[in-house]
Every structure is written in structure tokens, then in C-alpha cells.
Amino acid sequence: MYKNISMVWLAVGLSGLTHAAHSQSDDRLISRQSIKLTAEQEYIIRENVKDVRGGLVTHNVTPKVGDKIPPDIELSALPSLVVEKVPQVKALKFFVTKDQIVLVSPSNTVAHVNKKP
């Protein structure tokens, strides 16, 4: 009887370890994925970031979602008003090209590209 109970606890313990390992890999995958923003959220970001000079990239870059950002590109924090109105971008930074606002994840990959009008 004790052997059966021990086997059940062992199975429960192992399934918990499997779940924990699976959760960690899911977290890593989520951090690399793009974020989905509504047109309104894109507008909020565009209007509050378009005139920021600090994040302007002068050399020719055409980033795509998932691309790794070159180390020489300086990233800026999003304005607090943007984070307040679009909370899912809280951990992101950005840079601006001639025609795009590029949101960058903490792992320095492109999370979203917001085209300027």
C-alpha cells in the first residue's frame, strides 16, 4: 500500500517539474513574440513619440518583427503617458527611423513596428 502511495506522489511531483519547465520555456517564447496593438494604441504611441529626438536612428535600418537590434542603436524608454495608456508596452523601449517607430523587447528583438503616417 505504501508503495502505491509513494508512486502516486512521485508521479505528482514529476508532473509538477514538467509543468515548471514548460512554463519557463513558454515565458521565453512569449518575450520573443511580437505584441498586438490596436489602431488606437498605435496612434497613442505615434503621437507621443513622433517628436522625440533622442531615439532617432540616422543610418538606414528596416527592422522586421523578431529581428535582433544591432548594439549600436540607442534605445529610449517610452514616455510615461504611453505606458499609462498602453500598459502592455511597459517593458519595451523604442527607436525611431525616418518612417517607423520600432518597439524593442527586453531581449533586444523587434516586438512591433509602427509606421509613421
PDB file of N, CA and C in Angstrom:
ATOM      1  N   MET A   1       0.817  -1.200   0.000  1.00  0.00           N
ATOM      2  CA  MET A   1       0.000   0.000   0.000  1.00  0.00           C
ATOM      3  C   MET A   1       0.858   1.261   0.000  1.00  0.00           C
ATOM      4  N   TYR A   2       1.891   1.296   0.869  1.00  0.00           N
ATOM      5  CA  TYR A   2       2.768   2.462   0.919  1.00  0.00           C
ATOM      6  C   TYR A   2       3.507   2.652  -0.401  1.00  0.00           C
ATOM      7  N   LYS A   3       3.797   1.533  -1.079  1.00  0.00           N
ATOM      8  CA  LYS A   3       4.483   1.624  -2.365  1.00  0.00           C
ATOM      9  C   LYS A   3       3.598   2.342  -3.396  1.00  0.00           C
ATOM     10  N   ASN A   4       2.299   2.017  -3.391  1.00  0.00           N
ATOM     11  CA  ASN A   4       1.377   2.665  -4.325  1.00  0.00           C
ATOM     12  C   ASN A   4       1.255   4.163  -4.039  1.00  0.00           C
ATOM     13  N   ILE A   5       1.183   4.510  -2.764  1.00  0.00           N
ATOM     14  CA  ILE A   5       1.083   5.922  -2.389  1.00  0.00           C
ATOM     15  C   ILE A   5       2.360   6.661  -2.789  1.00  0.00           C
ATOM     16  N   SER A   6       3.507   6.016  -2.577  1.00  0.00           N
ATOM     17  CA  SER A   6       4.775   6.631  -2.963  1.00  0.00           C
ATOM     18  C   SER A   6       4.840   6.861  -4.470  1.00  0.00           C
ATOM     19  N   MET A   7       4.347   5.919  -5.234  1.00  0.00           N
ATOM     20  CA  MET A   7       4.363   6.044  -6.694  1.00  0.00           C
ATOM     21  C   MET A   7       3.459   7.212  -7.139  1.00  0.00           C
ATOM     22  N   VAL A   8       2.310   7.362  -6.469  1.00  0.00           N
ATOM     23  CA  VAL A   8       1.410   8.462  -6.811  1.00  0.00           C
ATOM     24  C   VAL A   8       2.092   9.797  -6.520  1.00  0.00           C
ATOM     25  N   TRP A   9       2.723   9.943  -5.360  1.00  0.00           N
ATOM     26  CA  TRP A   9       3.405  11.193  -5.016  1.00  0.00           C
ATOM     27  C   TRP A   9       4.567  11.468  -5.962  1.00  0.00           C
ATOM     28  N   LEU A  10       5.275  10.414  -6.363  1.00  0.00           N
ATOM     29  CA  LEU A  10       6.363  10.583  -7.307  1.00  0.00           C
ATOM     30  C   LEU A  10       5.827  11.093  -8.645  1.00  0.00           C
ATOM     31  N   ALA A  11       4.721  10.522  -9.104  1.00  0.00           N
ATOM     32  CA  ALA A  11       4.121  10.950 -10.372  1.00  0.00           C
ATOM     33  C   ALA A  11       3.654  12.404 -10.288  1.00  0.00           C
ATOM     34  N   VAL A  12       3.028  12.756  -9.165  1.00  0.00           N
ATOM     35  CA  VAL A  12       2.560  14.133  -8.990  1.00  0.00           C
ATOM     36  C   VAL A  12       3.746  15.094  -8.976  1.00  0.00           C
ATOM     37  N   GLY A  13       4.805  14.733  -8.274  1.00  0.00           N
ATOM     38  CA  GLY A  13       5.997  15.575  -8.206  1.00  0.00           C
ATOM     39  C   GLY A  13       6.642  15.756  -9.562  1.00  0.00           C
ATOM     40  N   LEU A  14       6.759  14.681 -10.332  1.00  0.00           N
ATOM     41  CA  LEU A  14       7.363  14.768 -11.653  1.00  0.00           C
ATOM     42  C   LEU A  14       6.514  15.594 -12.601  1.00  0.00           C
ATOM     43  N   SER A  15       5.194  15.471 -12.513  1.00  0.00           N
ATOM     44  CA  SER A  15       4.346  16.274 -13.398  1.00  0.00           C
ATOM     45  C   SER A  15       4.488  17.754 -13.066  1.00  0.00           C
ATOM     46  N   GLY A  16       4.682  18.082 -11.800  1.00  0.00           N
ATOM     47  CA  GLY A  16       4.894  19.475 -11.411  1.00  0.00           C
ATOM     48  C   GLY A  16       6.192  20.015 -11.973  1.00  0.00           C
ATOM     49  N   LEU A  17       7.255  19.193 -11.973  1.00  0.00           N
ATOM     50  CA  LEU A  17       8.525  19.617 -12.547  1.00  0.00           C
ATOM     51  C   LEU A  17       8.399  19.824 -14.043  1.00  0.00           C
ATOM     52  N   THR A  18       7.675  18.946 -14.694  1.00  0.00           N
ATOM     53  CA  THR A  18       7.472  19.079 -16.135  1.00  0.00           C
ATOM     54  C   THR A  18       6.725  20.368 -16.436  1.00  0.00           C
ATOM     55  N   HIS A  19       5.687  20.663 -15.645  1.00  0.00           N
ATOM     56  CA  HIS A  19       4.914  21.888 -15.847  1.00  0.00           C
ATOM     57  C   HIS A  19       5.793  23.117 -15.637  1.00  0.00           C
ATOM     58  N   ALA A  20       6.638  23.094 -14.601  1.00  0.00           N
ATOM     59  CA  ALA A  20       7.508  24.239 -14.327  1.00  0.00           C
ATOM     60  C   ALA A  20       8.483  24.460 -15.480  1.00  0.00           C
ATOM     61  N   ALA A  21       9.055  23.384 -16.004  1.00  0.00           N
ATOM     62  CA  ALA A  21       9.986  23.514 -17.128  1.00  0.00           C
ATOM     63  C   ALA A  21       9.253  24.036 -18.356  1.00  0.00           C
ATOM     64  N   HIS A  22       8.041  23.561 -18.573  1.00  0.00           N
ATOM     65  CA  HIS A  22       7.246  24.010 -19.714  1.00  0.00           C
ATOM     66  C   HIS A  22       6.898  25.485 -19.580  1.00  0.00           C
ATOM     67  N   SER A  23       6.565  25.927 -18.384  1.00  0.00           N
ATOM     68  CA  SER A  23       6.213  27.325 -18.160  1.00  0.00           C
ATOM     69  C   SER A  23       7.390  28.244 -18.450  1.00  0.00           C
ATOM     70  N   GLN A  24       8.594  27.831 -18.038  1.00  0.00           N
ATOM     71  CA  GLN A  24       9.766  28.667 -18.284  1.00  0.00           C
ATOM     72  C   GLN A  24      10.004  28.830 -19.776  1.00  0.00           C
ATOM     73  N   SER A  25       9.876  27.741 -20.545  1.00  0.00           N
ATOM     74  CA  SER A  25      10.104  27.870 -21.981  1.00  0.00           C
ATOM     75  C   SER A  25       9.009  28.714 -22.621  1.00  0.00           C
ATOM     76  N   ASP A  26       7.766  28.623 -22.123  1.00  0.00           N
ATOM     77  CA  ASP A  26       6.691  29.456 -22.643  1.00  0.00           C
ATOM     78  C   ASP A  26       7.000  30.935 -22.395  1.00  0.00           C
ATOM     79  N   ASP A  27       7.522  31.276 -21.213  1.00  0.00           N
ATOM     80  CA  ASP A  27       7.850  32.659 -20.892  1.00  0.00           C
ATOM     81  C   ASP A  27       8.901  33.197 -21.850  1.00  0.00           C
ATOM     82  N   ARG A  28       9.900  32.367 -22.168  1.00  0.00           N
ATOM     83  CA  ARG A  28      10.941  32.809 -23.090  1.00  0.00           C
ATOM     84  C   ARG A  28      10.357  33.039 -24.476  1.00  0.00           C
ATOM     85  N   LEU A  29       9.448  32.170 -24.910  1.00  0.00           N
ATOM     86  CA  LEU A  29       8.844  32.323 -26.220  1.00  0.00           C
ATOM     87  C   LEU A  29       7.976  33.571 -26.278  1.00  0.00           C
ATOM     88  N   ILE A  30       7.234  33.825 -25.215  1.00  0.00           N
ATOM     89  CA  ILE A  30       6.360  34.995 -25.185  1.00  0.00           C
ATOM     90  C   ILE A  30       7.184  36.275 -25.275  1.00  0.00           C
ATOM     91  N   SER A  31       8.337  36.324 -24.605  1.00  0.00           N
ATOM     92  CA  SER A  31       9.135  37.544 -24.624  1.00  0.00           C
ATOM     93  C   SER A  31       9.715  37.823 -26.000  1.00  0.00           C
ATOM     94  N   ARG A  32       9.821  36.803 -26.855  1.00  0.00           N
ATOM     95  CA  ARG A  32      10.366  36.995 -28.196  1.00  0.00           C
ATOM     96  C   ARG A  32       9.291  37.314 -29.222  1.00  0.00           C
ATOM     97  N   GLN A  33       8.044  37.091 -28.877  1.00  0.00           N
ATOM     98  CA  GLN A  33       6.967  37.295 -29.832  1.00  0.00           C
ATOM     99  C   GLN A  33       6.638  38.763 -29.977  1.00  0.00           C
ATOM    100  N   SER A  34       5.968  39.044 -31.082  1.00  0.00           N
ATOM    101  CA  SER A  34       5.518  40.413 -31.289  1.00  0.00           C
ATOM    102  C   SER A  34       4.339  40.700 -30.365  1.00  0.00           C
ATOM    103  N   ILE A  35       4.031  41.960 -30.232  1.00  0.00           N
ATOM    104  CA  ILE A  35       2.847  42.330 -29.468  1.00  0.00           C
ATOM    105  C   ILE A  35       1.791  42.808 -30.454  1.00  0.00           C
ATOM    106  N   LYS A  36       0.563  42.615 -30.100  1.00  0.00           N
ATOM    107  CA  LYS A  36      -0.549  43.057 -30.933  1.00  0.00           C
ATOM    108  C   LYS A  36      -1.098  44.348 -30.356  1.00  0.00           C
ATOM    109  N   LEU A  37      -1.141  45.366 -31.184  1.00  0.00           N
ATOM    110  CA  LEU A  37      -1.684  46.651 -30.759  1.00  0.00           C
ATOM    111  C   LEU A  37      -2.847  47.020 -31.656  1.00  0.00           C
ATOM    112  N   THR A  38      -3.822  47.687 -31.067  1.00  0.00           N
ATOM    113  CA  THR A  38      -4.953  48.184 -31.849  1.00  0.00           C
ATOM    114  C   THR A  38      -4.509  49.446 -32.589  1.00  0.00           C
ATOM    115  N   ALA A  39      -5.327  49.874 -33.537  1.00  0.00           N
ATOM    116  CA  ALA A  39      -5.041  51.107 -34.267  1.00  0.00           C
ATOM    117  C   ALA A  39      -4.987  52.288 -33.298  1.00  0.00           C
ATOM    118  N   GLU A  40      -5.855  52.280 -32.309  1.00  0.00           N
ATOM    119  CA  GLU A  40      -5.870  53.366 -31.320  1.00  0.00           C
ATOM    120  C   GLU A  40      -4.574  53.379 -30.502  1.00  0.00           C
ATOM    121  N   GLN A  41      -4.109  52.204 -30.096  1.00  0.00           N
ATOM    122  CA  GLN A  41      -2.870  52.128 -29.328  1.00  0.00           C
ATOM    123  C   GLN A  41      -1.673  52.574 -30.170  1.00  0.00           C
ATOM    124  N   GLU A  42      -1.662  52.179 -31.442  1.00  0.00           N
ATOM    125  CA  GLU A  42      -0.593  52.628 -32.341  1.00  0.00           C
ATOM    126  C   GLU A  42      -0.615  54.158 -32.473  1.00  0.00           C
ATOM    127  N   TYR A  43      -1.804  54.718 -32.559  1.00  0.00           N
ATOM    128  CA  TYR A  43      -1.957  56.166 -32.664  1.00  0.00           C
ATOM    129  C   TYR A  43      -1.397  56.859 -31.414  1.00  0.00           C
ATOM    130  N   ILE A  44      -1.725  56.319 -30.245  1.00  0.00           N
ATOM    131  CA  ILE A  44      -1.228  56.891 -28.979  1.00  0.00           C
ATOM    132  C   ILE A  44       0.299  56.894 -28.978  1.00  0.00           C
ATOM    133  N   ILE A  45       0.891  55.787 -29.375  1.00  0.00           N
ATOM    134  CA  ILE A  45       2.352  55.699 -29.406  1.00  0.00           C
ATOM    135  C   ILE A  45       2.908  56.685 -30.424  1.00  0.00           C
ATOM    136  N   ARG A  46       2.357  56.677 -31.609  1.00  0.00           N
ATOM    137  CA  ARG A  46       2.848  57.554 -32.688  1.00  0.00           C
ATOM    138  C   ARG A  46       2.793  59.025 -32.279  1.00  0.00           C
ATOM    139  N   GLU A  47       1.675  59.455 -31.709  1.00  0.00           N
ATOM    140  CA  GLU A  47       1.514  60.861 -31.344  1.00  0.00           C
ATOM    141  C   GLU A  47       2.426  61.289 -30.194  1.00  0.00           C
ATOM    142  N   ASN A  48       2.777  60.368 -29.322  1.00  0.00           N
ATOM    143  CA  ASN A  48       3.599  60.719 -28.165  1.00  0.00           C
ATOM    144  C   ASN A  48       5.084  60.480 -28.378  1.00  0.00           C
ATOM    145  N   VAL A  49       5.436  59.833 -29.467  1.00  0.00           N
ATOM    146  CA  VAL A  49       6.835  59.505 -29.709  1.00  0.00           C
ATOM    147  C   VAL A  49       7.381  60.194 -30.959  1.00  0.00           C
ATOM    148  N   LYS A  50       6.514  60.624 -31.854  1.00  0.00           N
ATOM    149  CA  LYS A  50       6.959  61.131 -33.163  1.00  0.00           C
ATOM    150  C   LYS A  50       7.936  62.298 -33.083  1.00  0.00           C
ATOM    151  N   ASP A  51       7.842  63.120 -32.056  1.00  0.00           N
ATOM    152  CA  ASP A  51       8.708  64.290 -31.949  1.00  0.00           C
ATOM    153  C   ASP A  51       9.910  64.077 -31.027  1.00  0.00           C
ATOM    154  N   VAL A  52      10.071  62.863 -30.513  1.00  0.00           N
ATOM    155  CA  VAL A  52      11.192  62.572 -29.629  1.00  0.00           C
ATOM    156  C   VAL A  52      12.459  62.479 -30.475  1.00  0.00           C
ATOM    157  N   ARG A  53      13.434  63.266 -30.138  1.00  0.00           N
ATOM    158  CA  ARG A  53      14.679  63.297 -30.912  1.00  0.00           C
ATOM    159  C   ARG A  53      15.696  62.269 -30.404  1.00  0.00           C
ATOM    160  N   GLY A  54      15.626  61.919 -29.136  1.00  0.00           N
ATOM    161  CA  GLY A  54      16.631  61.048 -28.538  1.00  0.00           C
ATOM    162  C   GLY A  54      16.739  59.676 -29.172  1.00  0.00           C
ATOM    163  N   GLY A  55      15.645  59.119 -29.677  1.00  0.00           N
ATOM    164  CA  GLY A  55      15.685  57.776 -30.221  1.00  0.00           C
ATOM    165  C   GLY A  55      15.819  57.715 -31.722  1.00  0.00           C
ATOM    166  N   LEU A  56      16.135  58.820 -32.387  1.00  0.00           N
ATOM    167  CA  LEU A  56      16.197  58.846 -33.844  1.00  0.00           C
ATOM    168  C   LEU A  56      17.449  58.136 -34.355  1.00  0.00           C
ATOM    169  N   VAL A  57      17.230  57.169 -35.254  1.00  0.00           N
ATOM    170  CA  VAL A  57      18.331  56.434 -35.870  1.00  0.00           C
ATOM    171  C   VAL A  57      18.601  57.078 -37.219  1.00  0.00           C
ATOM    172  N   THR A  58      19.834  57.473 -37.428  1.00  0.00           N
ATOM    173  CA  THR A  58      20.147  58.188 -38.661  1.00  0.00           C
ATOM    174  C   THR A  58      20.582  57.267 -39.795  1.00  0.00           C
ATOM    175  N   HIS A  59      21.137  56.097 -39.487  1.00  0.00           N
ATOM    176  CA  HIS A  59      21.536  55.224 -40.598  1.00  0.00           C
ATOM    177  C   HIS A  59      20.354  54.368 -41.063  1.00  0.00           C
ATOM    178  N   ASN A  60      20.473  53.823 -42.250  1.00  0.00           N
ATOM    179  CA  ASN A  60      19.377  53.123 -42.917  1.00  0.00           C
ATOM    180  C   ASN A  60      19.119  51.756 -42.265  1.00  0.00           C
ATOM    181  N   VAL A  61      17.992  51.631 -41.594  1.00  0.00           N
ATOM    182  CA  VAL A  61      17.597  50.389 -40.938  1.00  0.00           C
ATOM    183  C   VAL A  61      16.151  50.106 -41.317  1.00  0.00           C
ATOM    184  N   THR A  62      15.869  48.864 -41.707  1.00  0.00           N
ATOM    185  CA  THR A  62      14.490  48.452 -41.985  1.00  0.00           C
ATOM    186  C   THR A  62      14.193  47.219 -41.142  1.00  0.00           C
ATOM    187  N   PRO A  63      13.871  47.408 -39.867  1.00  0.00           N
ATOM    188  CA  PRO A  63      13.674  46.277 -38.970  1.00  0.00           C
ATOM    189  C   PRO A  63      12.343  45.567 -39.214  1.00  0.00           C
ATOM    190  N   LYS A  64      12.352  44.275 -38.934  1.00  0.00           N
ATOM    191  CA  LYS A  64      11.142  43.457 -39.003  1.00  0.00           C
ATOM    192  C   LYS A  64      10.939  42.803 -37.636  1.00  0.00           C
ATOM    193  N   VAL A  65       9.704  42.494 -37.306  1.00  0.00           N
ATOM    194  CA  VAL A  65       9.393  41.853 -36.030  1.00  0.00           C
ATOM    195  C   VAL A  65      10.223  40.578 -35.903  1.00  0.00           C
ATOM    196  N   GLY A  66      10.869  40.440 -34.755  1.00  0.00           N
ATOM    197  CA  GLY A  66      11.700  39.275 -34.476  1.00  0.00           C
ATOM    198  C   GLY A  66      13.177  39.502 -34.745  1.00  0.00           C
ATOM    199  N   ASP A  67      13.526  40.569 -35.496  1.00  0.00           N
ATOM    200  CA  ASP A  67      14.928  40.875 -35.778  1.00  0.00           C
ATOM    201  C   ASP A  67      15.656  41.273 -34.507  1.00  0.00           C
ATOM    202  N   LYS A  68      16.906  40.896 -34.404  1.00  0.00           N
ATOM    203  CA  LYS A  68      17.764  41.344 -33.313  1.00  0.00           C
ATOM    204  C   LYS A  68      18.238  42.759 -33.639  1.00  0.00           C
ATOM    205  N   ILE A  69      18.276  43.617 -32.645  1.00  0.00           N
ATOM    206  CA  ILE A  69      18.684  45.009 -32.832  1.00  0.00           C
ATOM    207  C   ILE A  69      20.208  45.105 -32.745  1.00  0.00           C
ATOM    208  N   PRO A  70      20.855  45.779 -33.712  1.00  0.00           N
ATOM    209  CA  PRO A  70      22.311  45.969 -33.633  1.00  0.00           C
ATOM    210  C   PRO A  70      22.685  46.727 -32.357  1.00  0.00           C
ATOM    211  N   PRO A  71      23.827  46.409 -31.766  1.00  0.00           N
ATOM    212  CA  PRO A  71      24.213  47.033 -30.491  1.00  0.00           C
ATOM    213  C   PRO A  71      24.469  48.533 -30.579  1.00  0.00           C
ATOM    214  N   ASP A  72      24.708  49.058 -31.795  1.00  0.00           N
ATOM    215  CA  ASP A  72      24.995  50.488 -31.906  1.00  0.00           C
ATOM    216  C   ASP A  72      23.747  51.357 -31.961  1.00  0.00           C
ATOM    217  N   ILE A  73      22.563  50.743 -31.966  1.00  0.00           N
ATOM    218  CA  ILE A  73      21.322  51.521 -31.964  1.00  0.00           C
ATOM    219  C   ILE A  73      20.950  51.864 -30.523  1.00  0.00           C
ATOM    220  N   GLU A  74      20.796  53.147 -30.271  1.00  0.00           N
ATOM    221  CA  GLU A  74      20.452  53.616 -28.927  1.00  0.00           C
ATOM    222  C   GLU A  74      18.939  53.533 -28.733  1.00  0.00           C
ATOM    223  N   LEU A  75      18.523  52.857 -27.673  1.00  0.00           N
ATOM    224  CA  LEU A  75      17.105  52.697 -27.366  1.00  0.00           C
ATOM    225  C   LEU A  75      16.689  53.709 -26.309  1.00  0.00           C
ATOM    226  N   SER A  76      15.446  54.155 -26.399  1.00  0.00           N
ATOM    227  CA  SER A  76      14.890  55.105 -25.426  1.00  0.00           C
ATOM    228  C   SER A  76      13.697  54.481 -24.728  1.00  0.00           C
ATOM    229  N   ALA A  77      13.456  54.923 -23.505  1.00  0.00           N
ATOM    230  CA  ALA A  77      12.269  54.478 -22.765  1.00  0.00           C
ATOM    231  C   ALA A  77      11.048  55.176 -23.347  1.00  0.00           C
ATOM    232  N   LEU A  78       9.931  54.496 -23.336  1.00  0.00           N
ATOM    233  CA  LEU A  78       8.686  55.099 -23.811  1.00  0.00           C
ATOM    234  C   LEU A  78       8.210  56.147 -22.805  1.00  0.00           C
ATOM    235  N   PRO A  79       7.610  57.218 -23.285  1.00  0.00           N
ATOM    236  CA  PRO A  79       7.084  58.243 -22.368  1.00  0.00           C
ATOM    237  C   PRO A  79       6.057  57.635 -21.407  1.00  0.00           C
ATOM    238  N   SER A  80       5.996  58.170 -20.202  1.00  0.00           N
ATOM    239  CA  SER A  80       5.100  57.633 -19.175  1.00  0.00           C
ATOM    240  C   SER A  80       3.635  57.674 -19.609  1.00  0.00           C
ATOM    241  N   LEU A  81       3.253  58.668 -20.383  1.00  0.00           N
ATOM    242  CA  LEU A  81       1.875  58.753 -20.868  1.00  0.00           C
ATOM    243  C   LEU A  81       1.539  57.555 -21.759  1.00  0.00           C
ATOM    244  N   VAL A  82       2.489  57.125 -22.591  1.00  0.00           N
ATOM    245  CA  VAL A  82       2.276  55.959 -23.450  1.00  0.00           C
ATOM    246  C   VAL A  82       2.100  54.711 -22.589  1.00  0.00           C
ATOM    247  N   VAL A  83       2.972  54.526 -21.609  1.00  0.00           N
ATOM    248  CA  VAL A  83       2.900  53.344 -20.742  1.00  0.00           C
ATOM    249  C   VAL A  83       1.596  53.337 -19.952  1.00  0.00           C
ATOM    250  N   GLU A  84       1.145  54.506 -19.547  1.00  0.00           N
ATOM    251  CA  GLU A  84      -0.118  54.611 -18.807  1.00  0.00           C
ATOM    252  C   GLU A  84      -1.302  54.194 -19.682  1.00  0.00           C
ATOM    253  N   LYS A  85      -1.303  54.623 -20.935  1.00  0.00           N
ATOM    254  CA  LYS A  85      -2.432  54.347 -21.816  1.00  0.00           C
ATOM    255  C   LYS A  85      -2.329  53.007 -22.548  1.00  0.00           C
ATOM    256  N   VAL A  86      -1.094  52.500 -22.706  1.00  0.00           N
ATOM    257  CA  VAL A  86      -0.874  51.218 -23.385  1.00  0.00           C
ATOM    258  C   VAL A  86       0.038  50.380 -22.480  1.00  0.00           C
ATOM    259  N   PRO A  87      -0.505  49.812 -21.404  1.00  0.00           N
ATOM    260  CA  PRO A  87       0.328  49.157 -20.397  1.00  0.00           C
ATOM    261  C   PRO A  87       1.144  47.965 -20.895  1.00  0.00           C
ATOM    262  N   GLN A  88       0.729  47.301 -21.959  1.00  0.00           N
ATOM    263  CA  GLN A  88       1.482  46.133 -22.418  1.00  0.00           C
ATOM    264  C   GLN A  88       2.849  46.495 -23.018  1.00  0.00           C
ATOM    265  N   VAL A  89       3.132  47.786 -23.201  1.00  0.00           N
ATOM    266  CA  VAL A  89       4.433  48.196 -23.724  1.00  0.00           C
ATOM    267  C   VAL A  89       5.384  48.638 -22.612  1.00  0.00           C
ATOM    268  N   LYS A  90       4.997  48.435 -21.376  1.00  0.00           N
ATOM    269  CA  LYS A  90       5.761  48.915 -20.226  1.00  0.00           C
ATOM    270  C   LYS A  90       7.229  48.470 -20.253  1.00  0.00           C
ATOM    271  N   ALA A  91       7.493  47.236 -20.606  1.00  0.00           N
ATOM    272  CA  ALA A  91       8.856  46.709 -20.583  1.00  0.00           C
ATOM    273  C   ALA A  91       9.631  46.994 -21.870  1.00  0.00           C
ATOM    274  N   LEU A  92       8.988  47.631 -22.832  1.00  0.00           N
ATOM    275  CA  LEU A  92       9.624  47.854 -24.130  1.00  0.00           C
ATOM    276  C   LEU A  92      10.355  49.192 -24.187  1.00  0.00           C
ATOM    277  N   LYS A  93      11.313  49.254 -25.095  1.00  0.00           N
ATOM    278  CA  LYS A  93      11.994  50.514 -25.414  1.00  0.00           C
ATOM    279  C   LYS A  93      11.733  50.775 -26.887  1.00  0.00           C
ATOM    280  N   PHE A  94      12.224  51.882 -27.401  1.00  0.00           N
ATOM    281  CA  PHE A  94      11.963  52.182 -28.801  1.00  0.00           C
ATOM    282  C   PHE A  94      13.113  52.946 -29.431  1.00  0.00           C
ATOM    283  N   PHE A  95      13.098  52.939 -30.765  1.00  0.00           N
ATOM    284  CA  PHE A  95      13.906  53.860 -31.540  1.00  0.00           C
ATOM    285  C   PHE A  95      13.081  54.278 -32.740  1.00  0.00           C
ATOM    286  N   VAL A  96      13.478  55.391 -33.354  1.00  0.00           N
ATOM    287  CA  VAL A  96      12.712  55.961 -34.456  1.00  0.00           C
ATOM    288  C   VAL A  96      13.596  55.998 -35.699  1.00  0.00           C
ATOM    289  N   THR A  97      13.045  55.544 -36.817  1.00  0.00           N
ATOM    290  CA  THR A  97      13.709  55.693 -38.105  1.00  0.00           C
ATOM    291  C   THR A  97      12.987  56.805 -38.863  1.00  0.00           C
ATOM    292  N   LYS A  98      13.375  57.022 -40.084  1.00  0.00           N
ATOM    293  CA  LYS A  98      12.747  58.077 -40.882  1.00  0.00           C
ATOM    294  C   LYS A  98      11.237  57.893 -40.992  1.00  0.00           C
ATOM    295  N   ASP A  99      10.781  56.632 -41.125  1.00  0.00           N
ATOM    296  CA  ASP A  99       9.346  56.401 -41.333  1.00  0.00           C
ATOM    297  C   ASP A  99       8.718  55.367 -40.405  1.00  0.00           C
ATOM    298  N   GLN A 100       9.426  54.993 -39.337  1.00  0.00           N
ATOM    299  CA  GLN A 100       8.890  53.981 -38.416  1.00  0.00           C
ATOM    300  C   GLN A 100       9.243  54.295 -36.961  1.00  0.00           C
ATOM    301  N   ILE A 101       8.371  53.812 -36.077  1.00  0.00           N
ATOM    302  CA  ILE A 101       8.663  53.773 -34.642  1.00  0.00           C
ATOM    303  C   ILE A 101       8.782  52.303 -34.312  1.00  0.00           C
ATOM    304  N   VAL A 102       9.946  51.899 -33.829  1.00  0.00           N
ATOM    305  CA  VAL A 102      10.230  50.486 -33.608  1.00  0.00           C
ATOM    306  C   VAL A 102      10.259  50.203 -32.110  1.00  0.00           C
ATOM    307  N   LEU A 103       9.368  49.303 -31.660  1.00  0.00           N
ATOM    308  CA  LEU A 103       9.324  48.901 -30.257  1.00  0.00           C
ATOM    309  C   LEU A 103      10.207  47.671 -30.093  1.00  0.00           C
ATOM    310  N   VAL A 104      11.024  47.675 -29.053  1.00  0.00           N
ATOM    311  CA  VAL A 104      12.033  46.641 -28.846  1.00  0.00           C
ATOM    312  C   VAL A 104      11.825  45.968 -27.489  1.00  0.00           C
ATOM    313  N   SER A 105      11.858  44.646 -27.492  1.00  0.00           N
ATOM    314  CA  SER A 105      11.661  43.868 -26.267  1.00  0.00           C
ATOM    315  C   SER A 105      12.918  43.917 -25.392  1.00  0.00           C
ATOM    316  N   PRO A 106      12.810  43.478 -24.127  1.00  0.00           N
ATOM    317  CA  PRO A 106      13.982  43.444 -23.249  1.00  0.00           C
ATOM    318  C   PRO A 106      15.109  42.551 -23.781  1.00  0.00           C
ATOM    319  N   SER A 107      14.773  41.601 -24.663  1.00  0.00           N
ATOM    320  CA  SER A 107      15.811  40.735 -25.237  1.00  0.00           C
ATOM    321  C   SER A 107      16.427  41.347 -26.500  1.00  0.00           C
ATOM    322  N   ASN A 108      16.164  42.646 -26.726  1.00  0.00           N
ATOM    323  CA  ASN A 108      16.685  43.400 -27.867  1.00  0.00           C
ATOM    324  C   ASN A 108      16.262  42.852 -29.224  1.00  0.00           C
ATOM    325  N   THR A 109      15.022  42.384 -29.294  1.00  0.00           N
ATOM    326  CA  THR A 109      14.440  41.992 -30.571  1.00  0.00           C
ATOM    327  C   THR A 109      13.253  42.899 -30.860  1.00  0.00           C
ATOM    328  N   VAL A 110      12.963  43.084 -32.137  1.00  0.00           N
ATOM    329  CA  VAL A 110      11.847  43.941 -32.535  1.00  0.00           C
ATOM    330  C   VAL A 110      10.534  43.282 -32.137  1.00  0.00           C
ATOM    331  N   ALA A 111       9.729  43.999 -31.348  1.00  0.00           N
ATOM    332  CA  ALA A 111       8.440  43.488 -30.882  1.00  0.00           C
ATOM    333  C   ALA A 111       7.288  44.032 -31.728  1.00  0.00           C
ATOM    334  N   HIS A 112       7.470  45.229 -32.286  1.00  0.00           N
ATOM    335  CA  HIS A 112       6.403  45.847 -33.074  1.00  0.00           C
ATOM    336  C   HIS A 112       6.993  46.985 -33.900  1.00  0.00           C
ATOM    337  N   VAL A 113       6.480  47.143 -35.116  1.00  0.00           N
ATOM    338  CA  VAL A 113       6.895  48.264 -35.964  1.00  0.00           C
ATOM    339  C   VAL A 113       5.657  49.097 -36.251  1.00  0.00           C
ATOM    340  N   ASN A 114       5.709  50.350 -35.871  1.00  0.00           N
ATOM    341  CA  ASN A 114       4.610  51.286 -36.035  1.00  0.00           C
ATOM    342  C   ASN A 114       5.007  52.253 -37.138  1.00  0.00           C
ATOM    343  N   LYS A 115       4.341  52.182 -38.263  1.00  0.00           N
ATOM    344  CA  LYS A 115       4.687  53.061 -39.382  1.00  0.00           C
ATOM    345  C   LYS A 115       4.160  54.468 -39.128  1.00  0.00           C
ATOM    346  N   LYS A 116       4.996  55.448 -39.452  1.00  0.00           N
ATOM    347  CA  LYS A 116       4.559  56.845 -39.344  1.00  0.00           C
ATOM    348  C   LYS A 116       3.661  57.167 -40.547  1.00  0.00           C
ATOM    349  N   PRO A 117       2.676  58.039 -40.359  1.00  0.00           N
ATOM    350  CA  PRO A 117       1.813  58.393 -41.499  1.00  0.00           C
ATOM    351  C   PRO A 117       2.536  59.253 -42.508  1.00  0.00           C
TER     352      PRO A 117
END
